[in-house]
Amino acid sequence: MKLVTAIIKPFKLDVVREALSDIGVHGMTVTEVKGFGRQKGHSELYRGAEYVVDFLPKTKVEIAVADTEADRVVEAISKAANSNKIGDGKIFVSSLEQVVRIRTGETGDQAL
């Protein structure tokens, strides 16, 4: 099993959710996060004073999938979240050792 974690621009969330739904992925966890990469934040003007915003708002999407589905999920997120502009985000894929559905006690792929 794999955990696919995507950091995307917040306004791309609905497009990414629809793309994942189209390939049969219906469960995900979404978190509002802040961070920066090459984008390195930006300057804003507020009441005449300029200040630097180091951490930009982003959305973190986490999806647990079977090994065979990971590549399709990554491809769907990549296409949906891409705006060809700096700050589109990143996708991380890591291995999951164990998944347990709390309600039924199912484990592994059955718990997904």
C-alpha atoms as a PDB file:
ATOM      1  CA  MET A   1       0.000   0.000   0.000  1.00  0.00           C
ATOM      2  CA  LYS A   2       1.068   3.568  -0.656  1.00  0.00           C
ATOM      3  CA  LEU A   3       0.339   6.944   0.885  1.00  0.00           C
ATOM      4  CA  VAL A   4       0.184   9.662  -1.764  1.00  0.00           C
ATOM      5  CA  THR A   5       0.616  13.137  -0.276  1.00  0.00           C
ATOM      6  CA  ALA A   6       0.119  16.141  -2.531  1.00  0.00           C
ATOM      7  CA  ILE A   7       0.758  19.771  -1.618  1.00  0.00           C
ATOM      8  CA  ILE A   8      -1.270  21.892  -4.035  1.00  0.00           C
ATOM      9  CA  LYS A   9      -2.643  25.395  -4.475  1.00  0.00           C
ATOM     10  CA  PRO A  10      -5.910  25.747  -2.524  1.00  0.00           C
ATOM     11  CA  PHE A  11      -8.023  26.752  -5.522  1.00  0.00           C
ATOM     12  CA  LYS A  12      -7.061  23.499  -7.297  1.00  0.00           C
ATOM     13  CA  LEU A  13      -8.653  21.273  -4.641  1.00  0.00           C
ATOM     14  CA  ASP A  14     -12.026  20.821  -6.359  1.00  0.00           C
ATOM     15  CA  VAL A  15     -10.385  19.989  -9.691  1.00  0.00           C
ATOM     16  CA  VAL A  16      -8.089  17.448  -8.019  1.00  0.00           C
ATOM     17  CA  ARG A  17     -10.996  15.890  -6.088  1.00  0.00           C
ATOM     18  CA  GLU A  18     -12.985  15.496  -9.316  1.00  0.00           C
ATOM     19  CA  ALA A  19     -10.004  13.972 -11.145  1.00  0.00           C
ATOM     20  CA  LEU A  20      -9.510  11.445  -8.336  1.00  0.00           C
ATOM     21  CA  SER A  21     -13.214  10.648  -8.258  1.00  0.00           C
ATOM     22  CA  ASP A  22     -13.109  10.012 -12.027  1.00  0.00           C
ATOM     23  CA  ILE A  23     -10.503   7.255 -11.533  1.00  0.00           C
ATOM     24  CA  GLY A  24     -12.401   5.672  -8.640  1.00  0.00           C
ATOM     25  CA  VAL A  25     -10.686   7.232  -5.619  1.00  0.00           C
ATOM     26  CA  HIS A  26     -13.290   8.420  -3.128  1.00  0.00           C
ATOM     27  CA  GLY A  27     -11.483   8.708   0.205  1.00  0.00           C
ATOM     28  CA  MET A  28      -8.959  11.378   1.071  1.00  0.00           C
ATOM     29  CA  THR A  29      -7.833  13.622   3.895  1.00  0.00           C
ATOM     30  CA  VAL A  30      -7.480  17.350   3.226  1.00  0.00           C
ATOM     31  CA  THR A  31      -5.584  19.775   5.444  1.00  0.00           C
ATOM     32  CA  GLU A  32      -4.962  23.502   5.104  1.00  0.00           C
ATOM     33  CA  VAL A  33      -1.220  24.073   5.485  1.00  0.00           C
ATOM     34  CA  LYS A  34       1.344  26.819   4.956  1.00  0.00           C
ATOM     35  CA  GLY A  35       4.786  26.572   3.439  1.00  0.00           C
ATOM     36  CA  PHE A  36       7.137  27.591   0.694  1.00  0.00           C
ATOM     37  CA  GLY A  37       9.618  26.117  -1.740  1.00  0.00           C
ATOM     38  CA  ARG A  38      11.279  27.849  -4.660  1.00  0.00           C
ATOM     39  CA  GLN A  39       8.443  30.350  -4.582  1.00  0.00           C
ATOM     40  CA  LYS A  40       9.905  31.748  -1.309  1.00  0.00           C
ATOM     41  CA  GLY A  41       6.817  33.741  -0.340  1.00  0.00           C
ATOM     42  CA  HIS A  42       5.984  37.244  -1.511  1.00  0.00           C
ATOM     43  CA  SER A  43       5.682  40.873  -0.339  1.00  0.00           C
ATOM     44  CA  GLU A  44       2.360  42.508   0.459  1.00  0.00           C
ATOM     45  CA  LEU A  45       1.312  46.056   1.250  1.00  0.00           C
ATOM     46  CA  TYR A  46      -0.994  46.519   4.239  1.00  0.00           C
ATOM     47  CA  ARG A  47      -2.043  49.979   5.480  1.00  0.00           C
ATOM     48  CA  GLY A  48       0.940  51.540   3.807  1.00  0.00           C
ATOM     49  CA  ALA A  49       3.484  49.157   5.288  1.00  0.00           C
ATOM     50  CA  GLU A  50       5.217  46.483   3.237  1.00  0.00           C
ATOM     51  CA  TYR A  51       5.757  43.111   4.833  1.00  0.00           C
ATOM     52  CA  VAL A  52       6.998  39.754   3.628  1.00  0.00           C
ATOM     53  CA  VAL A  53       4.749  36.688   3.699  1.00  0.00           C
ATOM     54  CA  ASP A  54       7.194  33.784   4.049  1.00  0.00           C
ATOM     55  CA  PHE A  55       4.645  30.997   4.285  1.00  0.00           C
ATOM     56  CA  LEU A  56       2.036  30.702   1.557  1.00  0.00           C
ATOM     57  CA  PRO A  57      -1.319  28.968   2.009  1.00  0.00           C
ATOM     58  CA  LYS A  58      -1.382  25.495   0.481  1.00  0.00           C
ATOM     59  CA  THR A  59      -3.638  22.455   0.652  1.00  0.00           C
ATOM     60  CA  LYS A  60      -2.348  19.021   1.623  1.00  0.00           C
ATOM     61  CA  VAL A  61      -4.221  16.040   0.189  1.00  0.00           C
ATOM     62  CA  GLU A  62      -3.466  12.537   1.504  1.00  0.00           C
ATOM     63  CA  ILE A  63      -4.733   9.383  -0.183  1.00  0.00           C
ATOM     64  CA  ALA A  64      -4.031   5.800   0.890  1.00  0.00           C
ATOM     65  CA  VAL A  65      -4.162   3.455  -2.113  1.00  0.00           C
ATOM     66  CA  ALA A  66      -3.163  -0.031  -3.196  1.00  0.00           C
ATOM     67  CA  ASP A  67       0.288  -0.320  -4.799  1.00  0.00           C
ATOM     68  CA  THR A  68      -1.286  -0.844  -8.219  1.00  0.00           C
ATOM     69  CA  GLU A  69      -3.245   2.437  -8.036  1.00  0.00           C
ATOM     70  CA  ALA A  70      -0.436   4.775  -6.934  1.00  0.00           C
ATOM     71  CA  ASP A  71       0.804   5.713 -10.423  1.00  0.00           C
ATOM     72  CA  ARG A  72      -2.718   6.505 -11.646  1.00  0.00           C
ATOM     73  CA  VAL A  73      -3.359   8.679  -8.600  1.00  0.00           C
ATOM     74  CA  VAL A  74      -0.099  10.592  -9.079  1.00  0.00           C
ATOM     75  CA  GLU A  75      -0.880  11.145 -12.761  1.00  0.00           C
ATOM     76  CA  ALA A  76      -4.417  12.367 -12.024  1.00  0.00           C
ATOM     77  CA  ILE A  77      -3.195  14.824  -9.372  1.00  0.00           C
ATOM     78  CA  SER A  78      -0.352  16.050 -11.592  1.00  0.00           C
ATOM     79  CA  LYS A  79      -2.672  16.832 -14.483  1.00  0.00           C
ATOM     80  CA  ALA A  80      -5.403  18.404 -12.361  1.00  0.00           C
ATOM     81  CA  ALA A  81      -3.137  20.581 -10.187  1.00  0.00           C
ATOM     82  CA  ASN A  82      -0.871  21.799 -12.988  1.00  0.00           C
ATOM     83  CA  SER A  83      -1.158  25.483 -13.910  1.00  0.00           C
ATOM     84  CA  ASN A  84       2.360  25.730 -15.393  1.00  0.00           C
ATOM     85  CA  LYS A  85       3.230  28.380 -12.797  1.00  0.00           C
ATOM     86  CA  ILE A  86       5.663  28.365  -9.932  1.00  0.00           C
ATOM     87  CA  GLY A  87       4.157  27.032  -6.709  1.00  0.00           C
ATOM     88  CA  ASP A  88       1.956  24.323  -8.261  1.00  0.00           C
ATOM     89  CA  GLY A  89       3.173  21.980  -5.526  1.00  0.00           C
ATOM     90  CA  LYS A  90       4.697  18.565  -4.998  1.00  0.00           C
ATOM     91  CA  ILE A  91       3.564  14.959  -4.719  1.00  0.00           C
ATOM     92  CA  PHE A  92       5.178  12.504  -2.311  1.00  0.00           C
ATOM     93  CA  VAL A  93       4.629   8.741  -2.419  1.00  0.00           C
ATOM     94  CA  SER A  94       5.561   6.644   0.605  1.00  0.00           C
ATOM     95  CA  SER A  95       4.972   3.057   1.663  1.00  0.00           C
ATOM     96  CA  LEU A  96       2.318   2.150   4.212  1.00  0.00           C
ATOM     97  CA  GLU A  97       3.113  -0.777   6.438  1.00  0.00           C
ATOM     98  CA  GLN A  98      -0.346  -1.287   7.881  1.00  0.00           C
ATOM     99  CA  VAL A  99      -3.868   0.129   7.595  1.00  0.00           C
ATOM    100  CA  VAL A 100      -6.650  -0.754  10.019  1.00  0.00           C
ATOM    101  CA  ARG A 101     -10.306   0.219   9.665  1.00  0.00           C
ATOM    102  CA  ILE A 102     -11.342   1.051  13.209  1.00  0.00           C
ATOM    103  CA  ARG A 103     -15.030   0.162  12.866  1.00  0.00           C
ATOM    104  CA  THR A 104     -14.590  -3.367  11.456  1.00  0.00           C
ATOM    105  CA  GLY A 105     -11.008  -4.264  12.311  1.00  0.00           C
ATOM    106  CA  GLU A 106     -10.222  -4.953   8.626  1.00  0.00           C
ATOM    107  CA  THR A 107      -6.558  -4.611   7.746  1.00  0.00           C
ATOM    108  CA  GLY A 108      -4.446  -4.100   4.626  1.00  0.00           C
ATOM    109  CA  ASP A 109      -6.091  -3.471   1.235  1.00  0.00           C
ATOM    110  CA  GLN A 110      -9.528  -4.397   2.635  1.00  0.00           C
ATOM    111  CA  ALA A 111      -9.294  -1.434   5.010  1.00  0.00           C
ATOM    112  CA  LEU A 112      -8.794   1.011   2.169  1.00  0.00           C
END
